């Protein structure tokens, strides 16, 4: 699935139905205002019916628009305390813009059910820590990429063991200190060992041939075995005959 970044929140607060160009009309607008400036307004002007309650000093208000919209503007901090349950249903799109930090504390479980795709775009770093186990499961394929476009490094670290329950296919090379295989190691284009050689507790079996610059073989089963160094010594050596002369090299190669 191709990554699709979320759409940036571009919503704006809707203006009031009562403006300088569309002011409330007499006698439809009923206004109650107190000494400190608190305002309670019930506007019955045809086409722009609205209700507005506004704090006279801070300017905090809420207003109900003719089309059923409601605007709540808090000039200070906002607090909402619910002693019981709260249920919210939004039939359209929900846009939330937070210009500062967002902190959420859940004392119970947090469950999310998303019937569509889930896209998360983080401009900074992502740090996630589970005090117990962390499980990632997918009914389809799962892709984990570290900057796949410009090159990146992925680190897998565990205090004991990184366990892979299925086959592991690597497109590049593997560099490690030691490889232990309980059954066998299959190499499609050959198996190479370093300067210390190739060691095996059991037999080494080859269906074609074994070629060795210097043969130090205990049990080796193969159709053909080639010892390059000792072959050269055998084929080029000389013997001294009974008369003190040198014999010619052996005509039969060493097998």
C-alpha atoms as a PDB file:
ATOM      1  CA  UNK A   1       0.000   0.000   0.000  1.00  0.00           C
ATOM      2  CA  UNK A   2       1.332   3.433  -0.954  1.00  0.00           C
ATOM      3  CA  UNK A   3       1.757   5.854   1.924  1.00  0.00           C
ATOM      4  CA  UNK A   4      -0.789   8.669   1.819  1.00  0.00           C
ATOM      5  CA  UNK A   5      -0.052  11.614   4.129  1.00  0.00           C
ATOM      6  CA  UNK A   6      -3.021  13.110   5.934  1.00  0.00           C
ATOM      7  CA  UNK A   7      -4.557  16.337   4.706  1.00  0.00           C
ATOM      8  CA  UNK A   8      -3.485  19.404   6.645  1.00  0.00           C
ATOM      9  CA  UNK A   9      -6.246  20.996   8.695  1.00  0.00           C
ATOM     10  CA  UNK A  10      -7.413  24.099   6.805  1.00  0.00           C
ATOM     11  CA  UNK A  11     -10.722  24.864   8.558  1.00  0.00           C
ATOM     12  CA  UNK A  12     -11.714  28.370   9.539  1.00  0.00           C
ATOM     13  CA  UNK A  13     -14.193  29.722  12.063  1.00  0.00           C
ATOM     14  CA  UNK A  14     -17.462  30.688  10.384  1.00  0.00           C
ATOM     15  CA  UNK A  15     -18.467  34.352  10.731  1.00  0.00           C
ATOM     16  CA  UNK A  16     -21.604  35.439  12.530  1.00  0.00           C
ATOM     17  CA  UNK A  17     -24.828  35.971  10.599  1.00  0.00           C
ATOM     18  CA  UNK A  18     -25.012  39.451  12.093  1.00  0.00           C
ATOM     19  CA  UNK A  19     -22.413  41.634  10.378  1.00  0.00           C
ATOM     20  CA  UNK A  20     -22.077  45.255   9.427  1.00  0.00           C
ATOM     21  CA  UNK A  21     -23.596  44.443   6.035  1.00  0.00           C
ATOM     22  CA  UNK A  22     -26.378  42.255   7.495  1.00  0.00           C
ATOM     23  CA  UNK A  23     -27.219  43.788  10.879  1.00  0.00           C
ATOM     24  CA  UNK A  24     -30.106  42.607  13.062  1.00  0.00           C
ATOM     25  CA  UNK A  25     -33.409  44.266  12.222  1.00  0.00           C
ATOM     26  CA  UNK A  26     -35.796  45.999  14.605  1.00  0.00           C
ATOM     27  CA  UNK A  27     -37.968  44.750  16.249  1.00  0.00           C
ATOM     28  CA  UNK A  28     -36.811  41.175  15.727  1.00  0.00           C
ATOM     29  CA  UNK A  29     -33.624  41.377  17.795  1.00  0.00           C
ATOM     30  CA  UNK A  30     -34.186  40.915  21.525  1.00  0.00           C
ATOM     31  CA  UNK A  31     -31.121  41.874  23.578  1.00  0.00           C
ATOM     32  CA  UNK A  32     -30.515  41.643  27.302  1.00  0.00           C
ATOM     33  CA  UNK A  33     -27.353  43.331  28.536  1.00  0.00           C
ATOM     34  CA  UNK A  34     -26.190  43.714  32.139  1.00  0.00           C
ATOM     35  CA  UNK A  35     -24.233  46.490  33.797  1.00  0.00           C
ATOM     36  CA  UNK A  36     -20.840  44.765  33.225  1.00  0.00           C
ATOM     37  CA  UNK A  37     -21.593  44.133  29.572  1.00  0.00           C
ATOM     38  CA  UNK A  38     -22.804  40.530  29.626  1.00  0.00           C
ATOM     39  CA  UNK A  39     -24.915  40.008  26.542  1.00  0.00           C
ATOM     40  CA  UNK A  40     -27.786  37.654  25.839  1.00  0.00           C
ATOM     41  CA  UNK A  41     -29.117  38.084  22.323  1.00  0.00           C
ATOM     42  CA  UNK A  42     -32.021  36.326  20.622  1.00  0.00           C
ATOM     43  CA  UNK A  43     -32.254  37.496  17.020  1.00  0.00           C
ATOM     44  CA  UNK A  44     -35.413  36.675  15.072  1.00  0.00           C
ATOM     45  CA  UNK A  45     -34.421  38.646  11.983  1.00  0.00           C
ATOM     46  CA  UNK A  46     -35.809  36.656   9.012  1.00  0.00           C
ATOM     47  CA  UNK A  47     -33.080  34.618   7.330  1.00  0.00           C
ATOM     48  CA  UNK A  48     -30.486  35.211  10.046  1.00  0.00           C
ATOM     49  CA  UNK A  49     -32.084  33.832  13.206  1.00  0.00           C
ATOM     50  CA  UNK A  50     -29.466  33.271  15.845  1.00  0.00           C
ATOM     51  CA  UNK A  51     -28.800  33.044  19.600  1.00  0.00           C
ATOM     52  CA  UNK A  52     -25.694  34.523  21.214  1.00  0.00           C
ATOM     53  CA  UNK A  53     -24.460  34.498  24.803  1.00  0.00           C
ATOM     54  CA  UNK A  54     -21.344  36.558  25.427  1.00  0.00           C
ATOM     55  CA  UNK A  55     -19.247  37.465  28.465  1.00  0.00           C
ATOM     56  CA  UNK A  56     -18.980  41.224  28.666  1.00  0.00           C
ATOM     57  CA  UNK A  57     -15.394  41.524  29.910  1.00  0.00           C
ATOM     58  CA  UNK A  58     -13.456  38.587  28.381  1.00  0.00           C
ATOM     59  CA  UNK A  59     -15.402  38.258  25.137  1.00  0.00           C
ATOM     60  CA  UNK A  60     -15.921  34.515  25.487  1.00  0.00           C
ATOM     61  CA  UNK A  61     -19.148  33.561  23.708  1.00  0.00           C
ATOM     62  CA  UNK A  62     -21.142  30.877  21.971  1.00  0.00           C
ATOM     63  CA  UNK A  63     -23.485  31.490  19.075  1.00  0.00           C
ATOM     64  CA  UNK A  64     -26.078  29.400  17.264  1.00  0.00           C
ATOM     65  CA  UNK A  65     -26.302  30.231  13.542  1.00  0.00           C
ATOM     66  CA  UNK A  66     -29.422  30.189  11.321  1.00  0.00           C
ATOM     67  CA  UNK A  67     -28.301  26.990   9.549  1.00  0.00           C
ATOM     68  CA  UNK A  68     -27.823  25.123  12.830  1.00  0.00           C
ATOM     69  CA  UNK A  69     -24.080  25.730  13.199  1.00  0.00           C
ATOM     70  CA  UNK A  70     -22.737  26.559  16.650  1.00  0.00           C
ATOM     71  CA  UNK A  71     -19.559  28.456  17.410  1.00  0.00           C
ATOM     72  CA  UNK A  72     -17.925  28.378  20.844  1.00  0.00           C
ATOM     73  CA  UNK A  73     -15.040  30.792  21.395  1.00  0.00           C
ATOM     74  CA  UNK A  74     -13.174  30.723  24.723  1.00  0.00           C
ATOM     75  CA  UNK A  75     -10.794  33.637  25.250  1.00  0.00           C
ATOM     76  CA  UNK A  76      -9.074  31.888  28.171  1.00  0.00           C
ATOM     77  CA  UNK A  77      -8.643  28.260  29.231  1.00  0.00           C
ATOM     78  CA  UNK A  78     -11.389  25.679  28.750  1.00  0.00           C
ATOM     79  CA  UNK A  79     -12.425  22.985  31.227  1.00  0.00           C
ATOM     80  CA  UNK A  80     -14.963  20.194  30.807  1.00  0.00           C
ATOM     81  CA  UNK A  81     -15.627  17.732  33.631  1.00  0.00           C
ATOM     82  CA  UNK A  82     -18.030  14.844  33.079  1.00  0.00           C
ATOM     83  CA  UNK A  83     -18.873  12.639  36.047  1.00  0.00           C
ATOM     84  CA  UNK A  84     -20.431   9.916  33.907  1.00  0.00           C
ATOM     85  CA  UNK A  85     -20.006   8.758  30.315  1.00  0.00           C
ATOM     86  CA  UNK A  86     -19.707  10.917  27.215  1.00  0.00           C
ATOM     87  CA  UNK A  87     -20.744   9.898  23.696  1.00  0.00           C
ATOM     88  CA  UNK A  88     -19.872  11.918  20.597  1.00  0.00           C
ATOM     89  CA  UNK A  89     -21.049  11.198  17.053  1.00  0.00           C
ATOM     90  CA  UNK A  90     -19.665  13.225  14.144  1.00  0.00           C
ATOM     91  CA  UNK A  91     -21.365  12.478  10.838  1.00  0.00           C
ATOM     92  CA  UNK A  92     -18.901  14.496   8.751  1.00  0.00           C
ATOM     93  CA  UNK A  93     -15.201  15.310   8.898  1.00  0.00           C
ATOM     94  CA  UNK A  94     -13.493  16.093  12.211  1.00  0.00           C
ATOM     95  CA  UNK A  95     -10.653  18.657  12.100  1.00  0.00           C
ATOM     96  CA  UNK A  96      -8.630  19.401  15.226  1.00  0.00           C
ATOM     97  CA  UNK A  97      -5.779  21.918  15.252  1.00  0.00           C
ATOM     98  CA  UNK A  98      -3.531  22.187  18.324  1.00  0.00           C
ATOM     99  CA  UNK A  99      -0.923  24.942  18.183  1.00  0.00           C
ATOM    100  CA  UNK A 100       0.859  23.650  21.306  1.00  0.00           C
ATOM    101  CA  UNK A 101       1.448  20.254  22.894  1.00  0.00           C
ATOM    102  CA  UNK A 102      -1.217  17.577  23.290  1.00  0.00           C
ATOM    103  CA  UNK A 103      -1.219  15.398  26.420  1.00  0.00           C
ATOM    104  CA  UNK A 104      -3.606  12.489  27.013  1.00  0.00           C
ATOM    105  CA  UNK A 105      -3.723  10.258  30.075  1.00  0.00           C
ATOM    106  CA  UNK A 106      -5.857   7.106  30.016  1.00  0.00           C
ATOM    107  CA  UNK A 107      -6.116   5.096  33.244  1.00  0.00           C
ATOM    108  CA  UNK A 108      -7.876   2.195  31.511  1.00  0.00           C
ATOM    109  CA  UNK A 109      -7.529   0.667  28.059  1.00  0.00           C
ATOM    110  CA  UNK A 110      -7.551   2.710  24.847  1.00  0.00           C
ATOM    111  CA  UNK A 111      -9.238   1.085  21.857  1.00  0.00           C
ATOM    112  CA  UNK A 112      -9.509   2.474  18.330  1.00  0.00           C
ATOM    113  CA  UNK A 113     -11.520   0.922  15.487  1.00  0.00           C
ATOM    114  CA  UNK A 114     -10.729   2.378  12.046  1.00  0.00           C
ATOM    115  CA  UNK A 115     -12.749   1.050   9.107  1.00  0.00           C
ATOM    116  CA  UNK A 116     -10.535   2.759   6.529  1.00  0.00           C
ATOM    117  CA  UNK A 117      -6.804   3.423   6.278  1.00  0.00           C
ATOM    118  CA  UNK A 118      -4.706   4.834   9.106  1.00  0.00           C
ATOM    119  CA  UNK A 119      -2.093   7.399   8.002  1.00  0.00           C
ATOM    120  CA  UNK A 120       0.315   8.921  10.505  1.00  0.00           C
ATOM    121  CA  UNK A 121       2.749  11.629   9.405  1.00  0.00           C
ATOM    122  CA  UNK A 122       5.262  12.741  12.052  1.00  0.00           C
ATOM    123  CA  UNK A 123       7.636  15.578  11.176  1.00  0.00           C
ATOM    124  CA  UNK A 124       9.966  14.738  14.077  1.00  0.00           C
ATOM    125  CA  UNK A 125      11.048  11.530  15.799  1.00  0.00           C
ATOM    126  CA  UNK A 126       8.723   8.745  16.953  1.00  0.00           C
ATOM    127  CA  UNK A 127       9.411   7.100  20.319  1.00  0.00           C
ATOM    128  CA  UNK A 128       7.144   4.290  21.531  1.00  0.00           C
ATOM    129  CA  UNK A 129       7.736   2.223  24.640  1.00  0.00           C
ATOM    130  CA  UNK A 130       5.705  -0.660  26.003  1.00  0.00           C
ATOM    131  CA  UNK A 131       6.164  -1.577  29.645  1.00  0.00           C
ATOM    132  CA  UNK A 132       5.174  -5.107  28.693  1.00  0.00           C
ATOM    133  CA  UNK A 133       4.942  -6.793  25.277  1.00  0.00           C
ATOM    134  CA  UNK A 134       4.414  -5.003  21.941  1.00  0.00           C
ATOM    135  CA  UNK A 135       2.711  -6.909  19.114  1.00  0.00           C
ATOM    136  CA  UNK A 136       2.490  -5.848  15.465  1.00  0.00           C
ATOM    137  CA  UNK A 137       0.170  -8.030  13.397  1.00  0.00           C
ATOM    138  CA  UNK A 138      -1.073  -7.768   9.810  1.00  0.00           C
ATOM    139  CA  UNK A 139      -3.471 -10.013   7.896  1.00  0.00           C
ATOM    140  CA  UNK A 140      -1.595  -9.038   4.721  1.00  0.00           C
ATOM    141  CA  UNK A 141       1.982  -7.998   4.023  1.00  0.00           C
ATOM    142  CA  UNK A 142       3.962  -5.844   6.439  1.00  0.00           C
ATOM    143  CA  UNK A 143       6.668  -3.466   5.234  1.00  0.00           C
ATOM    144  CA  UNK A 144       9.173  -1.743   7.521  1.00  0.00           C
ATOM    145  CA  UNK A 145      11.478   0.658   5.684  1.00  0.00           C
ATOM    146  CA  UNK A 146      14.194   2.998   6.928  1.00  0.00           C
ATOM    147  CA  UNK A 147      14.350   5.944   4.495  1.00  0.00           C
ATOM    148  CA  UNK A 148      13.873   3.714   1.463  1.00  0.00           C
ATOM    149  CA  UNK A 149      14.293   6.649  -0.944  1.00  0.00           C
ATOM    150  CA  UNK A 150      17.566   8.163   0.271  1.00  0.00           C
ATOM    151  CA  UNK A 151      19.224   5.364   2.248  1.00  0.00           C
ATOM    152  CA  UNK A 152      18.933   4.627   5.942  1.00  0.00           C
ATOM    153  CA  UNK A 153      19.898   2.085   8.570  1.00  0.00           C
ATOM    154  CA  UNK A 154      17.561  -0.142  10.554  1.00  0.00           C
ATOM    155  CA  UNK A 155      18.624  -1.485  13.951  1.00  0.00           C
ATOM    156  CA  UNK A 156      17.156  -4.569  15.638  1.00  0.00           C
ATOM    157  CA  UNK A 157      18.421  -4.971  19.179  1.00  0.00           C
ATOM    158  CA  UNK A 158      17.536  -7.362  21.970  1.00  0.00           C
ATOM    159  CA  UNK A 159      19.277  -8.192  25.240  1.00  0.00           C
ATOM    160  CA  UNK A 160      19.046 -11.919  24.449  1.00  0.00           C
ATOM    161  CA  UNK A 161      17.735 -13.167  21.083  1.00  0.00           C
ATOM    162  CA  UNK A 162      16.130 -11.867  17.904  1.00  0.00           C
ATOM    163  CA  UNK A 163      13.942 -14.796  16.801  1.00  0.00           C
ATOM    164  CA  UNK A 164      12.583 -15.153  13.243  1.00  0.00           C
ATOM    165  CA  UNK A 165       9.970 -17.914  13.009  1.00  0.00           C
ATOM    166  CA  UNK A 166       9.896 -18.206   9.197  1.00  0.00           C
ATOM    167  CA  UNK A 167      12.345 -18.155   6.300  1.00  0.00           C
ATOM    168  CA  UNK A 168      14.667 -15.169   5.991  1.00  0.00           C
ATOM    169  CA  UNK A 169      15.523 -13.831   2.548  1.00  0.00           C
ATOM    170  CA  UNK A 170      18.192 -11.145   2.275  1.00  0.00           C
ATOM    171  CA  UNK A 171      18.734  -9.230  -0.952  1.00  0.00           C
ATOM    172  CA  UNK A 172      22.172  -7.971   0.084  1.00  0.00           C
ATOM    173  CA  UNK A 173      24.993  -9.316   2.220  1.00  0.00           C
ATOM    174  CA  UNK A 174      24.986 -10.405   5.874  1.00  0.00           C
ATOM    175  CA  UNK A 175      27.855  -9.382   8.141  1.00  0.00           C
ATOM    176  CA  UNK A 176      28.046 -11.039  11.558  1.00  0.00           C
ATOM    177  CA  UNK A 177      30.485 -12.495  14.057  1.00  0.00           C
ATOM    178  CA  UNK A 178      29.235 -16.096  13.818  1.00  0.00           C
ATOM    179  CA  UNK A 179      26.550 -18.143  12.062  1.00  0.00           C
ATOM    180  CA  UNK A 180      25.206 -21.269  13.787  1.00  0.00           C
ATOM    181  CA  UNK A 181      22.945 -23.643  11.845  1.00  0.00           C
ATOM    182  CA  UNK A 182      21.268 -26.618  13.500  1.00  0.00           C
ATOM    183  CA  UNK A 183      20.576 -28.403  10.194  1.00  0.00           C
ATOM    184  CA  UNK A 184      22.548 -27.035   7.221  1.00  0.00           C
ATOM    185  CA  UNK A 185      23.652 -23.964   5.298  1.00  0.00           C
ATOM    186  CA  UNK A 186      22.637 -23.823   1.628  1.00  0.00           C
ATOM    187  CA  UNK A 187      24.601 -21.488  -0.635  1.00  0.00           C
ATOM    188  CA  UNK A 188      23.360 -21.135  -4.216  1.00  0.00           C
ATOM    189  CA  UNK A 189      26.638 -19.899  -5.738  1.00  0.00           C
ATOM    190  CA  UNK A 190      29.155 -21.360  -3.318  1.00  0.00           C
ATOM    191  CA  UNK A 191      30.288 -21.286   0.283  1.00  0.00           C
ATOM    192  CA  UNK A 192      33.411 -19.290   1.097  1.00  0.00           C
ATOM    193  CA  UNK A 193      35.521 -19.388   4.263  1.00  0.00           C
ATOM    194  CA  UNK A 194      38.146 -17.015   5.577  1.00  0.00           C
ATOM    195  CA  UNK A 195      41.860 -17.603   6.179  1.00  0.00           C
ATOM    196  CA  UNK A 196      41.126 -20.003   9.044  1.00  0.00           C
ATOM    197  CA  UNK A 197      39.543 -22.486   6.666  1.00  0.00           C
ATOM    198  CA  UNK A 198      36.280 -24.441   6.596  1.00  0.00           C
ATOM    199  CA  UNK A 199      35.628 -26.692   9.587  1.00  0.00           C
ATOM    200  CA  UNK A 200      33.075 -29.445   9.954  1.00  0.00           C
ATOM    201  CA  UNK A 201      32.509 -31.891  12.824  1.00  0.00           C
ATOM    202  CA  UNK A 202      30.784 -34.339  10.487  1.00  0.00           C
ATOM    203  CA  UNK A 203      31.598 -35.321   6.905  1.00  0.00           C
ATOM    204  CA  UNK A 204      31.736 -32.899   3.965  1.00  0.00           C
ATOM    205  CA  UNK A 205      29.741 -34.262   1.028  1.00  0.00           C
ATOM    206  CA  UNK A 206      29.932 -32.943  -2.543  1.00  0.00           C
ATOM    207  CA  UNK A 207      28.030 -34.413  -5.489  1.00  0.00           C
ATOM    208  CA  UNK A 208      30.525 -32.962  -7.979  1.00  0.00           C
ATOM    209  CA  UNK A 209      34.008 -32.198  -6.673  1.00  0.00           C
ATOM    210  CA  UNK A 210      36.096 -30.793  -3.856  1.00  0.00           C
ATOM    211  CA  UNK A 211      38.950 -28.455  -4.820  1.00  0.00           C
ATOM    212  CA  UNK A 212      41.439 -27.512  -2.131  1.00  0.00           C
ATOM    213  CA  UNK A 213      44.760 -25.601  -2.394  1.00  0.00           C
ATOM    214  CA  UNK A 214      45.998 -27.639   0.557  1.00  0.00           C
ATOM    215  CA  UNK A 215      44.024 -30.722   1.481  1.00  0.00           C
ATOM    216  CA  UNK A 216      43.495 -31.285   5.211  1.00  0.00           C
ATOM    217  CA  UNK A 217      40.481 -33.551   4.948  1.00  0.00           C
ATOM    218  CA  UNK A 218      39.248 -36.063   7.485  1.00  0.00           C
ATOM    219  CA  UNK A 219      36.090 -37.510   5.901  1.00  0.00           C
ATOM    220  CA  UNK A 220      35.159 -36.134   2.498  1.00  0.00           C
ATOM    221  CA  UNK A 221      32.690 -37.737   0.098  1.00  0.00           C
ATOM    222  CA  UNK A 222      32.940 -36.439  -3.454  1.00  0.00           C
ATOM    223  CA  UNK A 223      33.041 -37.607  -7.057  1.00  0.00           C
ATOM    224  CA  UNK A 224      36.363 -35.845  -7.665  1.00  0.00           C
ATOM    225  CA  UNK A 225      38.845 -34.410  -5.153  1.00  0.00           C
ATOM    226  CA  UNK A 226      41.545 -31.991  -6.219  1.00  0.00           C
ATOM    227  CA  UNK A 227      44.489 -31.067  -3.993  1.00  0.00           C
ATOM    228  CA  UNK A 228      46.123 -28.275  -5.981  1.00  0.00           C
ATOM    229  CA  UNK A 229      49.290 -27.885  -3.884  1.00  0.00           C
ATOM    230  CA  UNK A 230      50.099 -31.575  -3.383  1.00  0.00           C
ATOM    231  CA  UNK A 231      49.161 -32.354  -6.997  1.00  0.00           C
ATOM    232  CA  UNK A 232      51.779 -29.888  -8.193  1.00  0.00           C
ATOM    233  CA  UNK A 233      54.421 -31.303  -5.873  1.00  0.00           C
ATOM    234  CA  UNK A 234      53.665 -34.878  -6.933  1.00  0.00           C
ATOM    235  CA  UNK A 235      53.633 -34.150 -10.641  1.00  0.00           C
ATOM    236  CA  UNK A 236      56.937 -32.184 -10.572  1.00  0.00           C
ATOM    237  CA  UNK A 237      59.105 -34.183  -8.116  1.00  0.00           C
ATOM    238  CA  UNK A 238      62.182 -36.254  -9.018  1.00  0.00           C
ATOM    239  CA  UNK A 239      63.701 -39.419  -7.528  1.00  0.00           C
ATOM    240  CA  UNK A 240      67.356 -40.543  -7.466  1.00  0.00           C
ATOM    241  CA  UNK A 241      67.820 -43.963  -9.055  1.00  0.00           C
ATOM    242  CA  UNK A 242      70.264 -46.666  -7.960  1.00  0.00           C
ATOM    243  CA  UNK A 243      72.977 -45.181 -10.118  1.00  0.00           C
ATOM    244  CA  UNK A 244      72.695 -41.715  -8.617  1.00  0.00           C
ATOM    245  CA  UNK A 245      70.797 -40.121 -11.502  1.00  0.00           C
ATOM    246  CA  UNK A 246      67.540 -38.173 -11.416  1.00  0.00           C
ATOM    247  CA  UNK A 247      64.398 -39.764 -12.708  1.00  0.00           C
ATOM    248  CA  UNK A 248      61.755 -37.923 -14.750  1.00  0.00           C
ATOM    249  CA  UNK A 249      58.505 -36.656 -13.120  1.00  0.00           C
ATOM    250  CA  UNK A 250      55.696 -39.126 -12.771  1.00  0.00           C
ATOM    251  CA  UNK A 251      53.628 -39.524 -15.882  1.00  0.00           C
ATOM    252  CA  UNK A 252      50.488 -40.491 -13.989  1.00  0.00           C
ATOM    253  CA  UNK A 253      48.822 -37.604 -12.138  1.00  0.00           C
ATOM    254  CA  UNK A 254      48.005 -37.855  -8.480  1.00  0.00           C
ATOM    255  CA  UNK A 255      44.370 -38.768  -7.779  1.00  0.00           C
END
